[in-house]
Amino acid sequence: MVRVEAAMALSSLLKHQEAVVGFLRPGLGNVLKMYLRIMDEIDFEELVGALRIIVDTYDDEIAPYAVSLCQKLSEAYCRLIATAGGQEETDTEAGLTADGLMSAIRRVLNSISGKFPNLYPQLEAILERPILLSLSEAGATSADEGLSCIAELIYNQEGVSEKMWGLYHHIIQSYCNNEGVIDDLIS
């Protein structure tokens, strides 16, 4: 729990420009590795929120870590949705954490938007499952973030891959079958 508290406190340092430039930037890779390791052990909404702040702060420097960040965030998202889906009433903190995870994935994608086209096929493979889950009843609260991830993946490549066509097919089927997951987002 001490590591979680330290990781969350680190996001407070990001409010100070001196810490952002002189203290944290040189060790950004180590900081991100620490967050990802802690996330393997515990899913905690504030921890995910702190990671989002780091991604936003170092927006232009996230590319080297985009694949590993998306991999860990995706794993955590899928794990939480599976856990919450097994309960009759979704645990509020788990739901908020899952939404924060999908939001963090979108922020990572936004940070590399159009700059690194070679990363997108690899990211598609990593993100296909969590995006599908976000478009299901179990992950419906993060459907808008899932759709935003699809948009980032499609618009930053020269063509639409088979994986993305599969997601399109899933969206159409969901709408045609009146599943209600994305009805409010269609407009």
N, C-alpha and C. Protein backbone atom coordinates (compact mmCIF):
# COMPACT_ATOMS: atom_id res chain seq x y z
N MET A 1 0.83 -1.19 0.00
CA MET A 1 0.00 0.00 0.00
C MET A 1 0.88 1.26 0.00
N VAL A 2 2.08 1.17 0.52
CA VAL A 2 3.00 2.31 0.54
C VAL A 2 3.35 2.72 -0.89
N ARG A 3 3.56 1.72 -1.76
CA ARG A 3 3.89 2.03 -3.15
C ARG A 3 2.74 2.73 -3.85
N VAL A 4 1.51 2.32 -3.55
CA VAL A 4 0.33 2.95 -4.15
C VAL A 4 0.25 4.40 -3.70
N GLU A 5 0.43 4.64 -2.40
CA GLU A 5 0.41 6.01 -1.87
C GLU A 5 1.51 6.86 -2.50
N ALA A 6 2.69 6.29 -2.66
CA ALA A 6 3.80 7.03 -3.28
C ALA A 6 3.49 7.34 -4.73
N ALA A 7 2.91 6.39 -5.44
CA ALA A 7 2.57 6.61 -6.85
C ALA A 7 1.51 7.70 -6.99
N MET A 8 0.55 7.71 -6.10
CA MET A 8 -0.49 8.75 -6.16
C MET A 8 0.08 10.10 -5.77
N ALA A 9 0.98 10.13 -4.81
CA ALA A 9 1.60 11.39 -4.40
C ALA A 9 2.45 11.98 -5.52
N LEU A 10 3.00 11.12 -6.34
CA LEU A 10 3.82 11.57 -7.45
C LEU A 10 3.03 12.47 -8.40
N SER A 11 1.74 12.18 -8.57
CA SER A 11 0.93 13.03 -9.45
C SER A 11 0.80 14.45 -8.90
N SER A 12 0.91 14.60 -7.59
CA SER A 12 0.88 15.95 -7.00
C SER A 12 2.11 16.75 -7.39
N LEU A 13 3.24 16.06 -7.56
CA LEU A 13 4.46 16.74 -7.98
C LEU A 13 4.32 17.35 -9.37
N LEU A 14 3.42 16.78 -10.16
CA LEU A 14 3.26 17.25 -11.54
C LEU A 14 2.62 18.65 -11.62
N LYS A 15 2.21 19.16 -10.49
CA LYS A 15 1.66 20.51 -10.45
C LYS A 15 2.78 21.55 -10.38
N HIS A 16 4.02 21.09 -10.18
CA HIS A 16 5.16 21.98 -10.05
C HIS A 16 6.08 21.81 -11.25
N GLN A 17 6.24 22.85 -12.01
CA GLN A 17 7.01 22.80 -13.25
C GLN A 17 8.45 22.33 -13.03
N GLU A 18 9.05 22.73 -11.91
CA GLU A 18 10.42 22.30 -11.64
C GLU A 18 10.52 20.79 -11.52
N ALA A 19 9.53 20.19 -10.89
CA ALA A 19 9.52 18.73 -10.74
C ALA A 19 9.28 18.05 -12.09
N VAL A 20 8.39 18.63 -12.89
CA VAL A 20 8.08 18.06 -14.20
C VAL A 20 9.31 18.02 -15.09
N VAL A 21 10.03 19.12 -15.14
CA VAL A 21 11.17 19.23 -16.06
C VAL A 21 12.44 18.60 -15.49
N GLY A 22 12.79 18.96 -14.28
CA GLY A 22 14.09 18.55 -13.75
C GLY A 22 14.13 17.22 -13.03
N PHE A 23 13.04 16.88 -12.37
CA PHE A 23 13.06 15.70 -11.50
C PHE A 23 12.45 14.47 -12.17
N LEU A 24 11.26 14.62 -12.72
CA LEU A 24 10.53 13.46 -13.23
C LEU A 24 10.86 13.10 -14.68
N ARG A 25 11.06 14.10 -15.53
CA ARG A 25 11.31 13.82 -16.95
C ARG A 25 12.48 12.85 -17.18
N PRO A 26 13.62 13.04 -16.52
CA PRO A 26 14.73 12.10 -16.76
C PRO A 26 14.41 10.65 -16.37
N GLY A 27 13.51 10.47 -15.45
CA GLY A 27 13.17 9.12 -15.00
C GLY A 27 11.79 8.67 -15.44
N LEU A 28 11.25 9.28 -16.49
CA LEU A 28 9.89 8.97 -16.93
C LEU A 28 9.69 7.48 -17.20
N GLY A 29 10.64 6.86 -17.86
CA GLY A 29 10.52 5.43 -18.15
C GLY A 29 10.39 4.60 -16.89
N ASN A 30 11.19 4.92 -15.89
CA ASN A 30 11.13 4.19 -14.61
C ASN A 30 9.82 4.45 -13.88
N VAL A 31 9.35 5.69 -13.94
CA VAL A 31 8.09 6.04 -13.29
C VAL A 31 6.94 5.25 -13.91
N LEU A 32 6.90 5.19 -15.24
CA LEU A 32 5.84 4.46 -15.92
C LEU A 32 5.92 2.96 -15.62
N LYS A 33 7.14 2.41 -15.58
CA LYS A 33 7.30 1.00 -15.24
C LYS A 33 6.78 0.71 -13.84
N MET A 34 7.05 1.63 -12.91
CA MET A 34 6.58 1.45 -11.54
C MET A 34 5.05 1.44 -11.50
N TYR A 35 4.42 2.39 -12.20
CA TYR A 35 2.96 2.43 -12.24
C TYR A 35 2.39 1.14 -12.80
N LEU A 36 2.97 0.67 -13.89
CA LEU A 36 2.47 -0.55 -14.52
C LEU A 36 2.65 -1.76 -13.62
N ARG A 37 3.75 -1.83 -12.90
CA ARG A 37 3.97 -2.93 -11.97
C ARG A 37 2.95 -2.89 -10.83
N ILE A 38 2.70 -1.70 -10.30
CA ILE A 38 1.72 -1.58 -9.21
C ILE A 38 0.33 -1.95 -9.72
N MET A 39 0.02 -1.54 -10.97
CA MET A 39 -1.30 -1.86 -11.54
C MET A 39 -1.50 -3.36 -11.72
N ASP A 40 -0.41 -4.11 -11.87
CA ASP A 40 -0.52 -5.57 -11.94
C ASP A 40 -1.01 -6.14 -10.62
N GLU A 41 -0.66 -5.45 -9.53
CA GLU A 41 -0.99 -5.94 -8.21
C GLU A 41 -2.32 -5.43 -7.68
N ILE A 42 -2.70 -4.21 -8.07
CA ILE A 42 -3.90 -3.60 -7.52
C ILE A 42 -4.53 -2.68 -8.56
N ASP A 43 -5.85 -2.77 -8.67
CA ASP A 43 -6.61 -1.87 -9.54
C ASP A 43 -7.28 -0.85 -8.64
N PHE A 44 -6.90 0.39 -8.79
CA PHE A 44 -7.35 1.41 -7.87
C PHE A 44 -7.61 2.67 -8.68
N GLU A 45 -8.79 3.23 -8.58
CA GLU A 45 -9.19 4.36 -9.42
C GLU A 45 -8.22 5.53 -9.32
N GLU A 46 -7.78 5.88 -8.12
CA GLU A 46 -6.88 7.02 -7.96
C GLU A 46 -5.53 6.76 -8.62
N LEU A 47 -5.09 5.51 -8.61
CA LEU A 47 -3.84 5.14 -9.26
C LEU A 47 -3.95 5.34 -10.78
N VAL A 48 -5.08 4.93 -11.33
CA VAL A 48 -5.33 5.12 -12.76
C VAL A 48 -5.42 6.60 -13.08
N GLY A 49 -6.07 7.36 -12.22
CA GLY A 49 -6.16 8.81 -12.41
C GLY A 49 -4.79 9.47 -12.39
N ALA A 50 -3.93 9.03 -11.50
CA ALA A 50 -2.58 9.58 -11.43
C ALA A 50 -1.80 9.25 -12.70
N LEU A 51 -1.98 8.04 -13.21
CA LEU A 51 -1.32 7.66 -14.46
C LEU A 51 -1.82 8.52 -15.62
N ARG A 52 -3.11 8.81 -15.65
CA ARG A 52 -3.66 9.69 -16.70
C ARG A 52 -3.02 11.07 -16.64
N ILE A 53 -2.78 11.58 -15.44
CA ILE A 53 -2.14 12.89 -15.29
C ILE A 53 -0.73 12.85 -15.85
N ILE A 54 -0.01 11.77 -15.59
CA ILE A 54 1.35 11.64 -16.12
C ILE A 54 1.32 11.60 -17.65
N VAL A 55 0.39 10.84 -18.21
CA VAL A 55 0.27 10.75 -19.67
C VAL A 55 -0.05 12.13 -20.25
N ASP A 56 -0.96 12.85 -19.62
CA ASP A 56 -1.28 14.20 -20.10
C ASP A 56 -0.10 15.16 -19.98
N THR A 57 0.64 15.07 -18.90
CA THR A 57 1.77 15.96 -18.65
C THR A 57 2.90 15.72 -19.64
N TYR A 58 3.19 14.47 -19.90
CA TYR A 58 4.30 14.12 -20.80
C TYR A 58 3.78 13.63 -22.15
N ASP A 59 2.73 14.26 -22.61
CA ASP A 59 2.03 13.91 -23.84
C ASP A 59 2.97 13.62 -25.01
N ASP A 60 3.95 14.47 -25.23
CA ASP A 60 4.85 14.32 -26.38
C ASP A 60 5.92 13.26 -26.18
N GLU A 61 6.03 12.71 -25.00
CA GLU A 61 7.10 11.76 -24.70
C GLU A 61 6.60 10.35 -24.40
N ILE A 62 5.33 10.10 -24.67
CA ILE A 62 4.72 8.82 -24.32
C ILE A 62 4.96 7.74 -25.38
N ALA A 63 5.24 8.12 -26.61
CA ALA A 63 5.35 7.16 -27.72
C ALA A 63 6.21 5.93 -27.40
N PRO A 64 7.39 6.08 -26.82
CA PRO A 64 8.19 4.87 -26.55
C PRO A 64 7.52 3.90 -25.57
N TYR A 65 6.56 4.39 -24.82
CA TYR A 65 5.90 3.57 -23.80
C TYR A 65 4.46 3.22 -24.19
N ALA A 66 4.00 3.69 -25.35
CA ALA A 66 2.60 3.53 -25.75
C ALA A 66 2.16 2.08 -25.78
N VAL A 67 2.97 1.22 -26.36
CA VAL A 67 2.58 -0.19 -26.48
C VAL A 67 2.48 -0.85 -25.11
N SER A 68 3.50 -0.67 -24.27
CA SER A 68 3.45 -1.31 -22.94
C SER A 68 2.35 -0.70 -22.08
N LEU A 69 2.13 0.61 -22.17
CA LEU A 69 1.04 1.23 -21.42
C LEU A 69 -0.31 0.66 -21.86
N CYS A 70 -0.53 0.62 -23.17
CA CYS A 70 -1.80 0.09 -23.66
C CYS A 70 -1.98 -1.38 -23.29
N GLN A 71 -0.89 -2.14 -23.33
CA GLN A 71 -0.96 -3.56 -22.96
C GLN A 71 -1.42 -3.72 -21.51
N LYS A 72 -0.78 -3.02 -20.60
CA LYS A 72 -1.12 -3.15 -19.17
C LYS A 72 -2.50 -2.57 -18.88
N LEU A 73 -2.82 -1.42 -19.47
CA LEU A 73 -4.13 -0.81 -19.25
C LEU A 73 -5.23 -1.72 -19.79
N SER A 74 -4.98 -2.34 -20.94
CA SER A 74 -5.95 -3.26 -21.54
C SER A 74 -6.17 -4.48 -20.66
N GLU A 75 -5.09 -5.04 -20.18
CA GLU A 75 -5.20 -6.21 -19.29
C GLU A 75 -6.00 -5.87 -18.04
N ALA A 76 -5.69 -4.72 -17.45
CA ALA A 76 -6.40 -4.31 -16.23
C ALA A 76 -7.88 -4.06 -16.54
N TYR A 77 -8.17 -3.43 -17.67
CA TYR A 77 -9.56 -3.16 -18.05
C TYR A 77 -10.33 -4.48 -18.23
N CYS A 78 -9.77 -5.39 -18.98
CA CYS A 78 -10.44 -6.68 -19.22
C CYS A 78 -10.66 -7.44 -17.92
N ARG A 79 -9.67 -7.41 -17.05
CA ARG A 79 -9.78 -8.09 -15.75
C ARG A 79 -10.91 -7.48 -14.91
N LEU A 80 -10.99 -6.16 -14.87
CA LEU A 80 -12.03 -5.51 -14.08
C LEU A 80 -13.42 -5.74 -14.66
N ILE A 81 -13.54 -5.68 -15.98
CA ILE A 81 -14.84 -5.92 -16.59
C ILE A 81 -15.29 -7.36 -16.34
N ALA A 82 -14.37 -8.30 -16.43
CA ALA A 82 -14.71 -9.70 -16.16
C ALA A 82 -15.15 -9.88 -14.71
N THR A 83 -14.47 -9.22 -13.79
CA THR A 83 -14.83 -9.30 -12.37
C THR A 83 -16.18 -8.66 -12.12
N ALA A 84 -16.38 -7.47 -12.65
CA ALA A 84 -17.64 -6.75 -12.45
C ALA A 84 -18.79 -7.46 -13.15
N GLY A 85 -18.52 -8.08 -14.30
CA GLY A 85 -19.55 -8.78 -15.04
C GLY A 85 -20.08 -10.00 -14.32
N GLY A 86 -19.27 -10.54 -13.42
CA GLY A 86 -19.67 -11.72 -12.67
C GLY A 86 -20.55 -11.39 -11.48
N GLN A 87 -20.67 -10.13 -11.14
CA GLN A 87 -21.48 -9.72 -9.99
C GLN A 87 -22.84 -9.26 -10.48
N GLU A 88 -23.85 -9.47 -9.63
CA GLU A 88 -25.19 -9.05 -10.03
C GLU A 88 -25.27 -7.53 -10.08
N GLU A 89 -24.69 -6.86 -9.12
CA GLU A 89 -24.66 -5.40 -9.10
C GLU A 89 -23.21 -4.96 -9.19
N THR A 90 -22.92 -4.17 -10.22
CA THR A 90 -21.53 -3.77 -10.47
C THR A 90 -21.00 -2.94 -9.32
N ASP A 91 -19.82 -3.29 -8.85
CA ASP A 91 -19.14 -2.54 -7.81
C ASP A 91 -18.79 -1.16 -8.37
N THR A 92 -19.20 -0.11 -7.69
CA THR A 92 -19.01 1.25 -8.18
C THR A 92 -17.55 1.60 -8.38
N GLU A 93 -16.71 1.28 -7.42
CA GLU A 93 -15.28 1.61 -7.56
C GLU A 93 -14.66 0.86 -8.73
N ALA A 94 -15.01 -0.40 -8.88
CA ALA A 94 -14.48 -1.19 -10.01
C ALA A 94 -14.95 -0.60 -11.33
N GLY A 95 -16.21 -0.16 -11.39
CA GLY A 95 -16.74 0.46 -12.60
C GLY A 95 -16.02 1.76 -12.93
N LEU A 96 -15.78 2.57 -11.92
CA LEU A 96 -15.07 3.84 -12.13
C LEU A 96 -13.63 3.58 -12.55
N THR A 97 -13.01 2.59 -11.95
CA THR A 97 -11.64 2.25 -12.32
C THR A 97 -11.59 1.76 -13.76
N ALA A 98 -12.54 0.93 -14.16
CA ALA A 98 -12.59 0.43 -15.53
C ALA A 98 -12.77 1.59 -16.51
N ASP A 99 -13.65 2.51 -16.20
CA ASP A 99 -13.85 3.68 -17.05
C ASP A 99 -12.58 4.51 -17.14
N GLY A 100 -11.90 4.67 -16.01
CA GLY A 100 -10.64 5.41 -16.00
C GLY A 100 -9.57 4.73 -16.82
N LEU A 101 -9.57 3.41 -16.83
CA LEU A 101 -8.59 2.66 -17.63
C LEU A 101 -8.83 2.87 -19.12
N MET A 102 -10.09 2.82 -19.54
CA MET A 102 -10.38 3.04 -20.96
C MET A 102 -10.07 4.49 -21.35
N SER A 103 -10.32 5.40 -20.44
CA SER A 103 -9.98 6.80 -20.68
C SER A 103 -8.46 6.97 -20.80
N ALA A 104 -7.71 6.27 -19.97
CA ALA A 104 -6.25 6.34 -20.04
C ALA A 104 -5.74 5.78 -21.37
N ILE A 105 -6.36 4.70 -21.85
CA ILE A 105 -5.99 4.14 -23.15
C ILE A 105 -6.21 5.19 -24.23
N ARG A 106 -7.37 5.84 -24.20
CA ARG A 106 -7.67 6.88 -25.20
C ARG A 106 -6.65 8.01 -25.13
N ARG A 107 -6.25 8.39 -23.93
CA ARG A 107 -5.27 9.47 -23.79
C ARG A 107 -3.90 9.07 -24.34
N VAL A 108 -3.52 7.81 -24.16
CA VAL A 108 -2.27 7.34 -24.74
C VAL A 108 -2.37 7.43 -26.26
N LEU A 109 -3.49 6.97 -26.82
CA LEU A 109 -3.68 7.05 -28.27
C LEU A 109 -3.67 8.50 -28.75
N ASN A 110 -4.30 9.38 -27.99
CA ASN A 110 -4.29 10.80 -28.36
C ASN A 110 -2.88 11.37 -28.35
N SER A 111 -2.06 10.91 -27.42
CA SER A 111 -0.71 11.45 -27.30
C SER A 111 0.18 11.09 -28.48
N ILE A 112 -0.14 10.00 -29.17
CA ILE A 112 0.67 9.61 -30.34
C ILE A 112 -0.08 9.86 -31.64
N SER A 113 -1.22 10.51 -31.57
CA SER A 113 -2.13 10.69 -32.69
C SER A 113 -1.43 11.12 -33.98
N GLY A 114 -1.40 10.20 -34.93
CA GLY A 114 -0.85 10.47 -36.24
C GLY A 114 0.66 10.55 -36.34
N LYS A 115 1.37 10.52 -35.23
CA LYS A 115 2.82 10.73 -35.23
C LYS A 115 3.61 9.44 -35.48
N PHE A 116 3.04 8.29 -35.13
CA PHE A 116 3.77 7.03 -35.20
C PHE A 116 2.90 5.96 -35.86
N PRO A 117 2.70 6.06 -37.17
CA PRO A 117 1.80 5.11 -37.85
C PRO A 117 2.23 3.65 -37.72
N ASN A 118 3.50 3.40 -37.49
CA ASN A 118 3.98 2.03 -37.36
C ASN A 118 3.48 1.36 -36.07
N LEU A 119 3.04 2.14 -35.08
CA LEU A 119 2.56 1.57 -33.82
C LEU A 119 1.11 1.08 -33.91
N TYR A 120 0.33 1.63 -34.83
CA TYR A 120 -1.10 1.36 -34.84
C TYR A 120 -1.49 -0.10 -35.08
N PRO A 121 -0.87 -0.82 -36.00
CA PRO A 121 -1.25 -2.24 -36.14
C PRO A 121 -1.02 -3.04 -34.85
N GLN A 122 0.07 -2.78 -34.17
CA GLN A 122 0.35 -3.46 -32.91
C GLN A 122 -0.67 -3.06 -31.84
N LEU A 123 -1.01 -1.77 -31.80
CA LEU A 123 -2.00 -1.29 -30.83
C LEU A 123 -3.38 -1.86 -31.12
N GLU A 124 -3.72 -2.01 -32.39
CA GLU A 124 -5.01 -2.62 -32.74
C GLU A 124 -5.13 -4.01 -32.15
N ALA A 125 -4.07 -4.79 -32.29
CA ALA A 125 -4.08 -6.16 -31.76
C ALA A 125 -4.26 -6.16 -30.25
N ILE A 126 -3.60 -5.24 -29.58
CA ILE A 126 -3.68 -5.15 -28.12
C ILE A 126 -5.05 -4.66 -27.67
N LEU A 127 -5.62 -3.72 -28.40
CA LEU A 127 -6.84 -3.03 -27.94
C LEU A 127 -8.14 -3.64 -28.45
N GLU A 128 -8.06 -4.60 -29.33
CA GLU A 128 -9.28 -5.18 -29.90
C GLU A 128 -10.21 -5.73 -28.81
N ARG A 129 -9.69 -6.52 -27.91
CA ARG A 129 -10.52 -7.13 -26.86
C ARG A 129 -11.12 -6.09 -25.90
N PRO A 130 -10.31 -5.16 -25.34
CA PRO A 130 -10.94 -4.19 -24.45
C PRO A 130 -11.96 -3.29 -25.16
N ILE A 131 -11.72 -2.98 -26.42
CA ILE A 131 -12.70 -2.17 -27.15
C ILE A 131 -13.99 -2.96 -27.32
N LEU A 132 -13.89 -4.22 -27.68
CA LEU A 132 -15.10 -5.06 -27.79
C LEU A 132 -15.84 -5.12 -26.45
N LEU A 133 -15.09 -5.26 -25.37
CA LEU A 133 -15.72 -5.29 -24.04
C LEU A 133 -16.40 -3.96 -23.72
N SER A 134 -15.79 -2.85 -24.14
CA SER A 134 -16.41 -1.54 -23.87
C SER A 134 -17.71 -1.37 -24.64
N LEU A 135 -17.88 -2.14 -25.70
CA LEU A 135 -19.10 -2.08 -26.51
C LEU A 135 -20.09 -3.18 -26.14
N SER A 136 -19.86 -3.82 -25.00
CA SER A 136 -20.76 -4.85 -24.50
C SER A 136 -21.55 -4.30 -23.33
N GLU A 137 -22.52 -5.05 -22.89
CA GLU A 137 -23.32 -4.61 -21.74
C GLU A 137 -22.47 -4.44 -20.49
N ALA A 138 -21.51 -5.33 -20.29
CA ALA A 138 -20.66 -5.26 -19.09
C ALA A 138 -19.80 -4.01 -19.07
N GLY A 139 -19.36 -3.53 -20.22
CA GLY A 139 -18.50 -2.36 -20.29
C GLY A 139 -19.17 -1.13 -20.84
N ALA A 140 -20.50 -1.11 -20.86
CA ALA A 140 -21.26 -0.05 -21.52
C ALA A 140 -20.95 1.35 -21.01
N THR A 141 -20.56 1.49 -19.75
CA THR A 141 -20.29 2.84 -19.24
C THR A 141 -19.07 3.47 -19.90
N SER A 142 -18.22 2.66 -20.52
CA SER A 142 -17.05 3.21 -21.19
C SER A 142 -17.14 3.06 -22.71
N ALA A 143 -18.36 2.88 -23.22
CA ALA A 143 -18.55 2.71 -24.66
C ALA A 143 -18.09 3.93 -25.44
N ASP A 144 -18.33 5.13 -24.92
CA ASP A 144 -17.90 6.33 -25.64
C ASP A 144 -16.38 6.39 -25.76
N GLU A 145 -15.67 5.96 -24.72
CA GLU A 145 -14.20 5.93 -24.78
C GLU A 145 -13.74 4.86 -25.77
N GLY A 146 -14.44 3.73 -25.79
CA GLY A 146 -14.12 2.67 -26.74
C GLY A 146 -14.27 3.15 -28.18
N LEU A 147 -15.36 3.87 -28.45
CA LEU A 147 -15.57 4.42 -29.79
C LEU A 147 -14.51 5.46 -30.15
N SER A 148 -14.10 6.24 -29.16
CA SER A 148 -13.03 7.23 -29.41
C SER A 148 -11.71 6.53 -29.73
N CYS A 149 -11.46 5.40 -29.08
CA CYS A 149 -10.25 4.62 -29.39
C CYS A 149 -10.30 4.09 -30.81
N ILE A 150 -11.47 3.62 -31.22
CA ILE A 150 -11.63 3.14 -32.60
C ILE A 150 -11.32 4.27 -33.57
N ALA A 151 -11.86 5.45 -33.30
CA ALA A 151 -11.62 6.60 -34.18
C ALA A 151 -10.14 6.93 -34.27
N GLU A 152 -9.45 6.92 -33.14
CA GLU A 152 -8.00 7.18 -33.15
C GLU A 152 -7.26 6.15 -33.98
N LEU A 153 -7.63 4.89 -33.82
CA LEU A 153 -6.94 3.82 -34.55
C LEU A 153 -7.21 3.89 -36.05
N ILE A 154 -8.43 4.24 -36.43
CA ILE A 154 -8.78 4.28 -37.86
C ILE A 154 -8.22 5.52 -38.54
N TYR A 155 -8.41 6.67 -37.95
CA TYR A 155 -8.06 7.93 -38.62
C TYR A 155 -6.57 8.18 -38.71
N ASN A 156 -5.78 7.43 -38.02
CA ASN A 156 -4.34 7.65 -38.06
C ASN A 156 -3.59 6.61 -38.88
N GLN A 157 -4.33 5.91 -39.72
CA GLN A 157 -3.72 4.93 -40.61
C GLN A 157 -4.21 5.19 -42.03
N GLU A 158 -3.49 4.66 -42.99
CA GLU A 158 -3.87 4.86 -44.38
C GLU A 158 -5.05 4.00 -44.80
N GLY A 159 -5.26 2.88 -44.14
CA GLY A 159 -6.36 2.00 -44.49
C GLY A 159 -7.05 1.48 -43.25
N VAL A 160 -8.17 0.82 -43.47
CA VAL A 160 -8.93 0.23 -42.37
C VAL A 160 -8.62 -1.26 -42.35
N SER A 161 -8.10 -1.73 -41.25
CA SER A 161 -7.69 -3.13 -41.12
C SER A 161 -8.90 -4.05 -40.92
N GLU A 162 -8.64 -5.33 -41.05
CA GLU A 162 -9.69 -6.34 -40.80
C GLU A 162 -10.20 -6.27 -39.36
N LYS A 163 -9.30 -6.00 -38.42
CA LYS A 163 -9.71 -5.88 -37.01
C LYS A 163 -10.71 -4.74 -36.84
N MET A 164 -10.44 -3.61 -37.48
CA MET A 164 -11.33 -2.46 -37.37
C MET A 164 -12.66 -2.72 -38.09
N TRP A 165 -12.62 -3.42 -39.21
CA TRP A 165 -13.87 -3.80 -39.89
C TRP A 165 -14.67 -4.74 -39.00
N GLY A 166 -13.99 -5.60 -38.26
CA GLY A 166 -14.68 -6.49 -37.33
C GLY A 166 -15.38 -5.71 -36.22
N LEU A 167 -14.73 -4.66 -35.74
CA LEU A 167 -15.36 -3.81 -34.71
C LEU A 167 -16.57 -3.08 -35.30
N TYR A 168 -16.45 -2.63 -36.54
CA TYR A 168 -17.57 -1.97 -37.22
C TYR A 168 -18.75 -2.94 -37.31
N HIS A 169 -18.46 -4.17 -37.71
CA HIS A 169 -19.50 -5.19 -37.80
C HIS A 169 -20.16 -5.40 -36.43
N HIS A 170 -19.35 -5.44 -35.39
CA HIS A 170 -19.88 -5.60 -34.03
C HIS A 170 -20.80 -4.43 -33.65
N ILE A 171 -20.40 -3.22 -33.99
CA ILE A 171 -21.22 -2.04 -33.69
C ILE A 171 -22.55 -2.11 -34.43
N ILE A 172 -22.52 -2.45 -35.70
CA ILE A 172 -23.75 -2.55 -36.49
C ILE A 172 -24.66 -3.64 -35.93
N GLN A 173 -24.08 -4.80 -35.60
CA GLN A 173 -24.87 -5.90 -35.02
C GLN A 173 -25.50 -5.48 -33.69
N SER A 174 -24.73 -4.80 -32.88
CA SER A 174 -25.24 -4.34 -31.58
C SER A 174 -26.42 -3.40 -31.77
N TYR A 175 -26.29 -2.50 -32.71
CA TYR A 175 -27.37 -1.54 -32.96
C TYR A 175 -28.59 -2.24 -33.57
N CYS A 176 -28.35 -3.09 -34.56
CA CYS A 176 -29.46 -3.80 -35.22
C CYS A 176 -30.18 -4.75 -34.28
N ASN A 177 -29.46 -5.35 -33.36
CA ASN A 177 -30.06 -6.27 -32.40
C ASN A 177 -30.65 -5.55 -31.20
N ASN A 178 -30.61 -4.22 -31.24
CA ASN A 178 -31.23 -3.40 -30.20
C ASN A 178 -30.70 -3.74 -28.81
N GLU A 179 -29.38 -3.89 -28.70
CA GLU A 179 -28.77 -4.23 -27.42
C GLU A 179 -28.72 -3.05 -26.46
N GLY A 180 -28.88 -1.84 -26.95
CA GLY A 180 -28.95 -0.67 -26.11
C GLY A 180 -27.64 -0.13 -25.59
N VAL A 181 -26.52 -0.76 -25.95
CA VAL A 181 -25.22 -0.35 -25.42
C VAL A 181 -24.77 0.98 -26.03
N ILE A 182 -24.94 1.13 -27.33
CA ILE A 182 -24.43 2.33 -27.99
C ILE A 182 -25.54 3.24 -28.55
N ASP A 183 -26.78 2.94 -28.23
CA ASP A 183 -27.90 3.72 -28.78
C ASP A 183 -27.77 5.21 -28.55
N ASP A 184 -27.34 5.61 -27.35
CA ASP A 184 -27.22 7.03 -27.03
C ASP A 184 -26.03 7.68 -27.74
N LEU A 185 -25.11 6.87 -28.26
CA LEU A 185 -23.90 7.39 -28.87
C LEU A 185 -23.96 7.45 -30.39
N ILE A 186 -25.02 6.90 -30.99
CA ILE A 186 -25.12 6.83 -32.44
C ILE A 186 -25.14 8.21 -33.09
N SER A 187 -25.82 9.13 -32.52
CA SER A 187 -25.90 10.46 -33.15
C SER A 187 -24.53 11.11 -33.20
